[in-house]
Amino acid sequence: MTRRPPRRRGARATSGGPRGTRRAFLAAGAGLVGLAAARGSGAYTAASFDRGSALPVASDAAGVLGLDVAPSVAAGAESRLVTVTNRAGRPAAVTVTLAEPVGTISNDAGTLASGDSLVVAVEVSCDDAPAAVAFTVEATAADGFSAVATRRASVDATGCAPPAARPSFEEVEIEDESRRSRGGPAAYVVEYEVADSEGTFERVTVEFDNLDREEAETKSSSALEGELSFEKRGQRFGDTYRITVSLFDASGEVESERIEVEDVAGGDEEVFESS
């Protein structure tokens, strides 16, 4: 029996044509991007090329953008938020922005050579510190390449001490004791009492500002309780005064306790009372 030689199949095309081009492009895109899923972020991340494709971008160091996100940042201090590494194989412009104005970021933009990294820091205030800081990383490069990633880091506020209690007025009274006779003096008496649980009180000041004559005088006391008196002779009776009572502690004026009133020096009247 005579055996026939095996039939030889024609060689398949390895390039050219719509299908070969699409396979080659997808293979190249998968090799560059890594096709790894974002780990535990719950955010969608993608890269785009000039051919119009969109592929998932790895969130680890092997992805097109290596994102080393800090597990948490400390409120009340500057902390590292994220380290961005360019794995695109070409120079890329990188920008990091906060999703909400919950802090201040630094070193948030730069052009990275392939393999270079950008360390981005954030400072979150202890006042109304959020539970987390959300941010977006964007990168662009030549040939229509762009990538975007959204991530978040929790905020650790355990180091934020509650604000110390500042002194406050328990009582303030301002009396007008001006007189028409005996030289017509303008006269006032300010009685006060201060509550100071933290022991930071320093002084109370009262400024008497004559608005008609552009003259002013300030009285001061370091006692927690007392009175400050003012008298100005020379026919000041009937002049208009602005009286400002201020409270100070070791860190400065307690502005929330400031009292400011205007009065015509007429005598025999209570100008202000708080308790």
C-alpha atoms as a PDB file:
ATOM      1  CA  MET A   1       0.000   0.000   0.000  1.00  0.00           C
ATOM      2  CA  THR A   2       1.430   3.355  -1.076  1.00  0.00           C
ATOM      3  CA  ARG A   3       1.285   6.113   1.523  1.00  0.00           C
ATOM      4  CA  ARG A   4       0.526   9.625   0.434  1.00  0.00           C
ATOM      5  CA  PRO A   5       2.738  12.366   1.789  1.00  0.00           C
ATOM      6  CA  PRO A   6       0.988  14.544   4.428  1.00  0.00           C
ATOM      7  CA  ARG A   7      -0.691  17.643   3.144  1.00  0.00           C
ATOM      8  CA  ARG A   8       1.012  20.895   4.189  1.00  0.00           C
ATOM      9  CA  ARG A   9      -1.181  23.646   5.531  1.00  0.00           C
ATOM     10  CA  GLY A  10      -0.658  27.160   4.373  1.00  0.00           C
ATOM     11  CA  ALA A  11       0.974  29.505   6.887  1.00  0.00           C
ATOM     12  CA  ARG A  12      -1.360  31.803   8.870  1.00  0.00           C
ATOM     13  CA  ALA A  13      -0.955  35.506   8.625  1.00  0.00           C
ATOM     14  CA  THR A  14       0.803  36.958  11.654  1.00  0.00           C
ATOM     15  CA  SER A  15       0.162  40.571  10.920  1.00  0.00           C
ATOM     16  CA  GLY A  16      -2.062  42.794   8.839  1.00  0.00           C
ATOM     17  CA  GLY A  17      -5.812  42.901   8.733  1.00  0.00           C
ATOM     18  CA  PRO A  18      -8.211  44.243  11.369  1.00  0.00           C
ATOM     19  CA  ARG A  19      -8.081  41.170  13.672  1.00  0.00           C
ATOM     20  CA  GLY A  20      -4.245  40.948  13.757  1.00  0.00           C
ATOM     21  CA  THR A  21      -3.959  44.664  14.528  1.00  0.00           C
ATOM     22  CA  ARG A  22      -6.470  44.522  17.396  1.00  0.00           C
ATOM     23  CA  ARG A  23      -4.768  41.489  19.014  1.00  0.00           C
ATOM     24  CA  ALA A  24      -1.364  43.110  18.816  1.00  0.00           C
ATOM     25  CA  PHE A  25      -2.668  46.334  20.379  1.00  0.00           C
ATOM     26  CA  LEU A  26      -4.465  44.596  23.233  1.00  0.00           C
ATOM     27  CA  ALA A  27      -1.411  42.506  24.018  1.00  0.00           C
ATOM     28  CA  ALA A  28       0.766  45.601  24.130  1.00  0.00           C
ATOM     29  CA  GLY A  29      -1.776  47.457  26.297  1.00  0.00           C
ATOM     30  CA  ALA A  30      -2.061  44.574  28.746  1.00  0.00           C
ATOM     31  CA  GLY A  31       1.716  44.354  29.047  1.00  0.00           C
ATOM     32  CA  LEU A  32       2.045  48.068  29.815  1.00  0.00           C
ATOM     33  CA  VAL A  33      -0.866  48.441  32.204  1.00  0.00           C
ATOM     34  CA  GLY A  34      -0.639  45.164  34.060  1.00  0.00           C
ATOM     35  CA  LEU A  35      -4.389  44.502  34.097  1.00  0.00           C
ATOM     36  CA  ALA A  36      -4.351  44.220  37.863  1.00  0.00           C
ATOM     37  CA  ALA A  37      -7.471  45.085  39.841  1.00  0.00           C
ATOM     38  CA  ALA A  38      -7.446  47.974  42.324  1.00  0.00           C
ATOM     39  CA  ARG A  39      -7.041  46.434  45.740  1.00  0.00           C
ATOM     40  CA  GLY A  40      -9.585  47.337  48.414  1.00  0.00           C
ATOM     41  CA  SER A  41     -10.176  50.895  47.227  1.00  0.00           C
ATOM     42  CA  GLY A  42     -13.641  50.532  45.764  1.00  0.00           C
ATOM     43  CA  ALA A  43     -12.606  53.080  43.122  1.00  0.00           C
ATOM     44  CA  TYR A  44     -12.446  52.624  39.370  1.00  0.00           C
ATOM     45  CA  THR A  45      -9.092  53.372  37.784  1.00  0.00           C
ATOM     46  CA  ALA A  46      -8.379  53.495  34.052  1.00  0.00           C
ATOM     47  CA  ALA A  47      -5.812  54.447  31.459  1.00  0.00           C
ATOM     48  CA  SER A  48      -6.541  55.693  27.932  1.00  0.00           C
ATOM     49  CA  PHE A  49      -4.426  55.553  24.779  1.00  0.00           C
ATOM     50  CA  ASP A  50      -4.673  57.360  21.482  1.00  0.00           C
ATOM     51  CA  ARG A  51      -6.320  54.266  19.947  1.00  0.00           C
ATOM     52  CA  GLY A  52      -9.393  54.924  22.104  1.00  0.00           C
ATOM     53  CA  SER A  53      -9.037  51.963  24.484  1.00  0.00           C
ATOM     54  CA  ALA A  54      -9.666  52.012  28.236  1.00  0.00           C
ATOM     55  CA  LEU A  55      -8.063  49.387  30.463  1.00  0.00           C
ATOM     56  CA  PRO A  56      -7.912  48.905  34.255  1.00  0.00           C
ATOM     57  CA  VAL A  57      -4.784  50.298  35.886  1.00  0.00           C
ATOM     58  CA  ALA A  58      -2.981  48.455  38.664  1.00  0.00           C
ATOM     59  CA  SER A  59      -2.929  50.173  42.070  1.00  0.00           C
ATOM     60  CA  ASP A  60       0.229  48.381  43.203  1.00  0.00           C
ATOM     61  CA  ALA A  61       3.836  49.107  42.299  1.00  0.00           C
ATOM     62  CA  ALA A  62       3.593  47.024  39.098  1.00  0.00           C
ATOM     63  CA  GLY A  63       0.832  49.151  37.549  1.00  0.00           C
ATOM     64  CA  VAL A  64       1.129  51.999  35.108  1.00  0.00           C
ATOM     65  CA  LEU A  65       0.859  54.239  38.177  1.00  0.00           C
ATOM     66  CA  GLY A  66       2.431  52.799  41.296  1.00  0.00           C
ATOM     67  CA  LEU A  67       0.293  54.128  44.170  1.00  0.00           C
ATOM     68  CA  ASP A  68       1.595  53.606  47.691  1.00  0.00           C
ATOM     69  CA  VAL A  69      -1.294  55.083  49.704  1.00  0.00           C
ATOM     70  CA  ALA A  70      -0.734  55.760  53.396  1.00  0.00           C
ATOM     71  CA  PRO A  71      -3.146  53.672  55.486  1.00  0.00           C
ATOM     72  CA  SER A  72      -3.892  56.770  57.582  1.00  0.00           C
ATOM     73  CA  VAL A  73      -2.806  60.373  58.051  1.00  0.00           C
ATOM     74  CA  ALA A  74      -2.511  62.148  61.401  1.00  0.00           C
ATOM     75  CA  ALA A  75      -4.694  65.180  62.062  1.00  0.00           C
ATOM     76  CA  GLY A  76      -2.840  68.165  63.442  1.00  0.00           C
ATOM     77  CA  ALA A  77       0.395  67.465  61.553  1.00  0.00           C
ATOM     78  CA  GLU A  78       1.714  67.027  58.026  1.00  0.00           C
ATOM     79  CA  SER A  79       1.697  63.370  56.937  1.00  0.00           C
ATOM     80  CA  ARG A  80       2.591  61.417  53.809  1.00  0.00           C
ATOM     81  CA  LEU A  81      -0.566  60.814  51.801  1.00  0.00           C
ATOM     82  CA  VAL A  82       0.617  58.873  48.741  1.00  0.00           C
ATOM     83  CA  THR A  83       3.748  58.043  46.789  1.00  0.00           C
ATOM     84  CA  VAL A  84       3.135  58.005  43.031  1.00  0.00           C
ATOM     85  CA  THR A  85       5.609  56.091  40.820  1.00  0.00           C
ATOM     86  CA  ASN A  86       5.626  56.455  37.043  1.00  0.00           C
ATOM     87  CA  ARG A  87       5.575  52.992  35.406  1.00  0.00           C
ATOM     88  CA  ALA A  88       4.352  54.199  32.013  1.00  0.00           C
ATOM     89  CA  GLY A  89       7.720  53.753  30.284  1.00  0.00           C
ATOM     90  CA  ARG A  90       7.784  57.410  29.285  1.00  0.00           C
ATOM     91  CA  PRO A  91       7.815  60.803  31.083  1.00  0.00           C
ATOM     92  CA  ALA A  92       4.435  61.624  32.635  1.00  0.00           C
ATOM     93  CA  ALA A  93       2.935  64.740  34.218  1.00  0.00           C
ATOM     94  CA  VAL A  94       1.314  63.811  37.535  1.00  0.00           C
ATOM     95  CA  THR A  95      -1.144  65.860  39.586  1.00  0.00           C
ATOM     96  CA  VAL A  96      -2.792  64.985  42.929  1.00  0.00           C
ATOM     97  CA  THR A  97      -5.921  66.842  44.107  1.00  0.00           C
ATOM     98  CA  LEU A  98      -8.197  66.511  47.129  1.00  0.00           C
ATOM     99  CA  ALA A  99     -11.813  65.601  46.462  1.00  0.00           C
ATOM    100  CA  GLU A 100     -12.927  68.000  49.222  1.00  0.00           C
ATOM    101  CA  PRO A 101     -11.121  70.963  50.864  1.00  0.00           C
ATOM    102  CA  VAL A 102     -10.444  69.053  54.087  1.00  0.00           C
ATOM    103  CA  GLY A 103      -6.716  69.789  54.267  1.00  0.00           C
ATOM    104  CA  THR A 104      -3.683  71.281  52.559  1.00  0.00           C
ATOM    105  CA  ILE A 105      -1.513  69.167  50.265  1.00  0.00           C
ATOM    106  CA  SER A 106       2.108  69.832  49.336  1.00  0.00           C
ATOM    107  CA  ASN A 107       4.359  68.584  46.538  1.00  0.00           C
ATOM    108  CA  ASP A 108       1.172  67.743  44.662  1.00  0.00           C
ATOM    109  CA  ALA A 109       2.392  67.950  41.038  1.00  0.00           C
ATOM    110  CA  GLY A 110       5.406  67.215  38.888  1.00  0.00           C
ATOM    111  CA  THR A 111       6.739  65.695  35.681  1.00  0.00           C
ATOM    112  CA  LEU A 112       8.219  62.271  36.398  1.00  0.00           C
ATOM    113  CA  ALA A 113      10.677  60.345  34.294  1.00  0.00           C
ATOM    114  CA  SER A 114       9.947  56.650  33.953  1.00  0.00           C
ATOM    115  CA  GLY A 115      10.592  55.008  37.326  1.00  0.00           C
ATOM    116  CA  ASP A 116      10.637  58.278  39.275  1.00  0.00           C
ATOM    117  CA  SER A 117       8.338  58.905  42.242  1.00  0.00           C
ATOM    118  CA  LEU A 118       6.408  61.839  43.715  1.00  0.00           C
ATOM    119  CA  VAL A 119       5.824  61.882  47.494  1.00  0.00           C
ATOM    120  CA  VAL A 120       2.678  63.888  48.311  1.00  0.00           C
ATOM    121  CA  ALA A 121       1.906  65.095  51.849  1.00  0.00           C
ATOM    122  CA  VAL A 122      -1.274  66.441  53.435  1.00  0.00           C
ATOM    123  CA  GLU A 123      -1.986  68.446  56.567  1.00  0.00           C
ATOM    124  CA  VAL A 124      -5.411  68.045  58.170  1.00  0.00           C
ATOM    125  CA  SER A 125      -6.502  70.353  60.966  1.00  0.00           C
ATOM    126  CA  CYS A 126      -7.725  68.973  64.265  1.00  0.00           C
ATOM    127  CA  ASP A 127     -10.705  71.317  63.952  1.00  0.00           C
ATOM    128  CA  ASP A 128     -13.534  69.286  62.394  1.00  0.00           C
ATOM    129  CA  ALA A 129     -11.132  66.572  61.224  1.00  0.00           C
ATOM    130  CA  PRO A 130     -12.846  64.287  58.644  1.00  0.00           C
ATOM    131  CA  ALA A 131     -12.975  60.510  58.902  1.00  0.00           C
ATOM    132  CA  ALA A 132     -10.983  60.149  55.668  1.00  0.00           C
ATOM    133  CA  VAL A 133      -9.201  62.123  52.952  1.00  0.00           C
ATOM    134  CA  ALA A 134     -10.242  61.286  49.394  1.00  0.00           C
ATOM    135  CA  PHE A 135      -7.970  62.282  46.526  1.00  0.00           C
ATOM    136  CA  THR A 136      -7.466  61.824  42.789  1.00  0.00           C
ATOM    137  CA  VAL A 137      -4.217  61.084  40.956  1.00  0.00           C
ATOM    138  CA  GLU A 138      -4.045  62.096  37.279  1.00  0.00           C
ATOM    139  CA  ALA A 139      -1.225  61.433  34.827  1.00  0.00           C
ATOM    140  CA  THR A 140      -0.739  62.390  31.172  1.00  0.00           C
ATOM    141  CA  ALA A 141       2.014  61.562  28.715  1.00  0.00           C
ATOM    142  CA  ALA A 142       2.799  61.575  25.009  1.00  0.00           C
ATOM    143  CA  ASP A 143       0.854  59.547  22.416  1.00  0.00           C
ATOM    144  CA  GLY A 144      -2.461  60.433  24.029  1.00  0.00           C
ATOM    145  CA  PHE A 145      -1.774  58.470  27.214  1.00  0.00           C
ATOM    146  CA  SER A 146      -3.709  59.430  30.358  1.00  0.00           C
ATOM    147  CA  ALA A 147      -4.498  57.694  33.634  1.00  0.00           C
ATOM    148  CA  VAL A 148      -6.654  58.552  36.624  1.00  0.00           C
ATOM    149  CA  ALA A 149      -7.033  56.933  40.043  1.00  0.00           C
ATOM    150  CA  THR A 150      -9.236  57.816  43.019  1.00  0.00           C
ATOM    151  CA  ARG A 151      -8.155  56.699  46.478  1.00  0.00           C
ATOM    152  CA  ARG A 152      -8.701  57.566  50.149  1.00  0.00           C
ATOM    153  CA  ALA A 153      -6.757  57.437  53.403  1.00  0.00           C
ATOM    154  CA  SER A 154      -8.337  57.406  56.838  1.00  0.00           C
ATOM    155  CA  VAL A 155      -7.654  60.236  59.301  1.00  0.00           C
ATOM    156  CA  ASP A 156      -6.258  59.473  62.764  1.00  0.00           C
ATOM    157  CA  ALA A 157      -7.371  62.203  65.182  1.00  0.00           C
ATOM    158  CA  THR A 158      -6.302  60.506  68.406  1.00  0.00           C
ATOM    159  CA  GLY A 159      -3.438  62.976  68.794  1.00  0.00           C
ATOM    160  CA  CYS A 160      -5.775  65.975  68.787  1.00  0.00           C
ATOM    161  CA  ALA A 161      -6.268  67.217  72.317  1.00  0.00           C
ATOM    162  CA  PRO A 162      -9.532  69.039  73.051  1.00  0.00           C
ATOM    163  CA  PRO A 163      -9.041  72.813  73.126  1.00  0.00           C
ATOM    164  CA  ALA A 164      -8.258  74.141  76.582  1.00  0.00           C
ATOM    165  CA  ALA A 165     -11.002  76.147  78.238  1.00  0.00           C
ATOM    166  CA  ARG A 166     -10.305  79.873  78.093  1.00  0.00           C
ATOM    167  CA  PRO A 167     -11.337  82.399  80.737  1.00  0.00           C
ATOM    168  CA  SER A 168     -14.671  84.140  80.372  1.00  0.00           C
ATOM    169  CA  PHE A 169     -16.637  86.952  81.965  1.00  0.00           C
ATOM    170  CA  GLU A 170     -19.157  85.857  84.559  1.00  0.00           C
ATOM    171  CA  GLU A 171     -20.410  89.381  85.036  1.00  0.00           C
ATOM    172  CA  VAL A 172     -19.764  92.852  83.608  1.00  0.00           C
ATOM    173  CA  GLU A 173     -21.483  96.113  84.577  1.00  0.00           C
ATOM    174  CA  ILE A 174     -20.779  99.579  83.153  1.00  0.00           C
ATOM    175  CA  GLU A 175     -22.129 102.635  85.034  1.00  0.00           C
ATOM    176  CA  ASP A 176     -22.179 106.220  83.755  1.00  0.00           C
ATOM    177  CA  GLU A 177     -21.315 108.552  86.671  1.00  0.00           C
ATOM    178  CA  SER A 178     -20.651 111.672  84.607  1.00  0.00           C
ATOM    179  CA  ARG A 179     -21.577 115.064  86.151  1.00  0.00           C
ATOM    180  CA  ARG A 180     -22.646 118.377  84.674  1.00  0.00           C
ATOM    181  CA  SER A 181     -21.201 120.327  87.610  1.00  0.00           C
ATOM    182  CA  ARG A 182     -17.658 120.546  88.986  1.00  0.00           C
ATOM    183  CA  GLY A 183     -15.958 120.846  85.656  1.00  0.00           C
ATOM    184  CA  GLY A 184     -18.402 118.619  83.795  1.00  0.00           C
ATOM    185  CA  PRO A 185     -16.305 115.429  83.897  1.00  0.00           C
ATOM    186  CA  ALA A 186     -17.089 112.260  82.016  1.00  0.00           C
ATOM    187  CA  ALA A 187     -16.900 109.380  84.501  1.00  0.00           C
ATOM    188  CA  TYR A 188     -17.503 105.645  84.219  1.00  0.00           C
ATOM    189  CA  VAL A 189     -17.111 102.623  86.493  1.00  0.00           C
ATOM    190  CA  VAL A 190     -16.704  99.107  85.073  1.00  0.00           C
ATOM    191  CA  GLU A 191     -17.245  96.195  87.475  1.00  0.00           C
ATOM    192  CA  TYR A 192     -16.362  92.664  86.347  1.00  0.00           C
ATOM    193  CA  GLU A 193     -15.847  89.074  87.449  1.00  0.00           C
ATOM    194  CA  VAL A 194     -13.857  86.456  85.496  1.00  0.00           C
ATOM    195  CA  ALA A 195     -14.195  82.642  85.489  1.00  0.00           C
ATOM    196  CA  ASP A 196     -10.814  80.941  84.937  1.00  0.00           C
ATOM    197  CA  SER A 197     -10.883  77.145  85.358  1.00  0.00           C
ATOM    198  CA  GLU A 198      -7.516  76.579  83.635  1.00  0.00           C
ATOM    199  CA  GLY A 199      -5.579  79.339  85.378  1.00  0.00           C
ATOM    200  CA  THR A 200      -4.589  81.093  82.139  1.00  0.00           C
ATOM    201  CA  PHE A 201      -6.161  84.501  82.867  1.00  0.00           C
ATOM    202  CA  GLU A 202      -3.834  87.499  82.519  1.00  0.00           C
ATOM    203  CA  ARG A 203      -5.753  90.771  82.562  1.00  0.00           C
ATOM    204  CA  VAL A 204      -8.841  92.812  81.806  1.00  0.00           C
ATOM    205  CA  THR A 205      -8.547  96.089  79.912  1.00  0.00           C
ATOM    206  CA  VAL A 206     -11.108  98.841  79.347  1.00  0.00           C
ATOM    207  CA  GLU A 207     -10.578 101.497  76.677  1.00  0.00           C
ATOM    208  CA  PHE A 208     -12.520 104.764  76.943  1.00  0.00           C
ATOM    209  CA  ASP A 209     -12.490 106.436  73.517  1.00  0.00           C
ATOM    210  CA  ASN A 210     -13.958 109.954  73.234  1.00  0.00           C
ATOM    211  CA  LEU A 211     -15.386 109.988  69.712  1.00  0.00           C
ATOM    212  CA  ASP A 212     -15.973 113.759  69.758  1.00  0.00           C
ATOM    213  CA  ARG A 213     -12.413 114.749  70.694  1.00  0.00           C
ATOM    214  CA  GLU A 214     -10.336 111.828  69.338  1.00  0.00           C
ATOM    215  CA  GLU A 215      -8.815 111.064  72.720  1.00  0.00           C
ATOM    216  CA  ALA A 216      -8.586 107.693  74.434  1.00  0.00           C
ATOM    217  CA  GLU A 217      -7.482 106.230  77.740  1.00  0.00           C
ATOM    218  CA  THR A 218      -7.027 102.590  78.769  1.00  0.00           C
ATOM    219  CA  LYS A 219      -7.382 101.062  82.228  1.00  0.00           C
ATOM    220  CA  SER A 220      -6.110  97.571  83.096  1.00  0.00           C
ATOM    221  CA  SER A 221      -6.312  95.044  85.955  1.00  0.00           C
ATOM    222  CA  SER A 222      -4.878  91.561  86.575  1.00  0.00           C
ATOM    223  CA  ALA A 223      -7.407  90.705  89.310  1.00  0.00           C
ATOM    224  CA  LEU A 224     -10.059  88.098  88.603  1.00  0.00           C
ATOM    225  CA  GLU A 225     -12.672  90.352  90.161  1.00  0.00           C
ATOM    226  CA  GLY A 226     -12.738  94.124  90.580  1.00  0.00           C
ATOM    227  CA  GLU A 227     -13.607  97.484  89.075  1.00  0.00           C
ATOM    228  CA  LEU A 228     -11.936  99.946  86.744  1.00  0.00           C
ATOM    229  CA  SER A 229     -12.799 103.639  87.027  1.00  0.00           C
ATOM    230  CA  PHE A 230     -12.410 106.447  84.514  1.00  0.00           C
ATOM    231  CA  GLU A 231     -12.842 110.199  84.913  1.00  0.00           C
ATOM    232  CA  LYS A 232     -11.952 112.970  82.474  1.00  0.00           C
ATOM    233  CA  ARG A 233     -12.476 116.629  83.439  1.00  0.00           C
ATOM    234  CA  GLY A 234     -12.702 119.666  81.186  1.00  0.00           C
ATOM    235  CA  GLN A 235     -16.371 119.748  80.176  1.00  0.00           C
ATOM    236  CA  ARG A 236     -16.575 116.211  78.801  1.00  0.00           C
ATOM    237  CA  PHE A 237     -20.162 115.955  79.965  1.00  0.00           C
ATOM    238  CA  GLY A 238     -22.315 115.239  76.894  1.00  0.00           C
ATOM    239  CA  ASP A 239     -19.442 113.793  74.843  1.00  0.00           C
ATOM    240  CA  THR A 240     -19.911 110.430  73.138  1.00  0.00           C
ATOM    241  CA  TYR A 241     -17.694 107.579  74.339  1.00  0.00           C
ATOM    242  CA  ARG A 242     -17.002 104.150  72.941  1.00  0.00           C
ATOM    243  CA  ILE A 243     -16.166 101.786  75.808  1.00  0.00           C
ATOM    244  CA  THR A 244     -14.376  98.506  74.963  1.00  0.00           C
ATOM    245  CA  VAL A 245     -13.909  95.790  77.592  1.00  0.00           C
ATOM    246  CA  SER A 246     -11.378  93.073  76.657  1.00  0.00           C
ATOM    247  CA  LEU A 247     -10.262  89.860  78.348  1.00  0.00           C
ATOM    248  CA  PHE A 248      -6.784  88.347  77.868  1.00  0.00           C
ATOM    249  CA  ASP A 249      -5.181  85.009  78.697  1.00  0.00           C
ATOM    250  CA  ALA A 250      -1.733  83.527  78.024  1.00  0.00           C
ATOM    251  CA  SER A 251      -2.478  83.118  74.301  1.00  0.00           C
ATOM    252  CA  GLY A 252      -3.893  86.592  73.707  1.00  0.00           C
ATOM    253  CA  GLU A 253      -7.272  88.263  73.677  1.00  0.00           C
ATOM    254  CA  VAL A 254     -10.348  86.086  74.104  1.00  0.00           C
ATOM    255  CA  GLU A 255     -12.164  87.837  71.286  1.00  0.00           C
ATOM    256  CA  SER A 256     -15.486  86.121  71.938  1.00  0.00           C
ATOM    257  CA  GLU A 257     -15.636  87.927  75.315  1.00  0.00           C
ATOM    258  CA  ARG A 258     -15.063  91.443  73.969  1.00  0.00           C
ATOM    259  CA  ILE A 259     -17.750  93.979  74.922  1.00  0.00           C
ATOM    260  CA  GLU A 260     -18.133  97.256  73.032  1.00  0.00           C
ATOM    261  CA  VAL A 261     -20.771  99.916  73.727  1.00  0.00           C
ATOM    262  CA  GLU A 262     -21.287 103.611  72.901  1.00  0.00           C
ATOM    263  CA  ASP A 263     -22.731 106.084  75.372  1.00  0.00           C
ATOM    264  CA  VAL A 264     -23.271 109.818  75.762  1.00  0.00           C
ATOM    265  CA  ALA A 265     -21.721 110.870  79.070  1.00  0.00           C
ATOM    266  CA  GLY A 266     -24.895 112.000  80.834  1.00  0.00           C
ATOM    267  CA  GLY A 267     -24.625 110.408  84.282  1.00  0.00           C
ATOM    268  CA  ASP A 268     -26.894 108.402  86.567  1.00  0.00           C
ATOM    269  CA  GLU A 269     -27.501 105.471  84.274  1.00  0.00           C
ATOM    270  CA  GLU A 270     -26.519 101.837  83.710  1.00  0.00           C
ATOM    271  CA  VAL A 271     -24.852 101.572  80.331  1.00  0.00           C
ATOM    272  CA  PHE A 272     -24.376  97.785  80.190  1.00  0.00           C
ATOM    273  CA  GLU A 273     -24.978  94.710  82.325  1.00  0.00           C
ATOM    274  CA  SER A 274     -24.320  91.012  81.650  1.00  0.00           C
ATOM    275  CA  SER A 275     -24.453  88.065  83.998  1.00  0.00           C
END
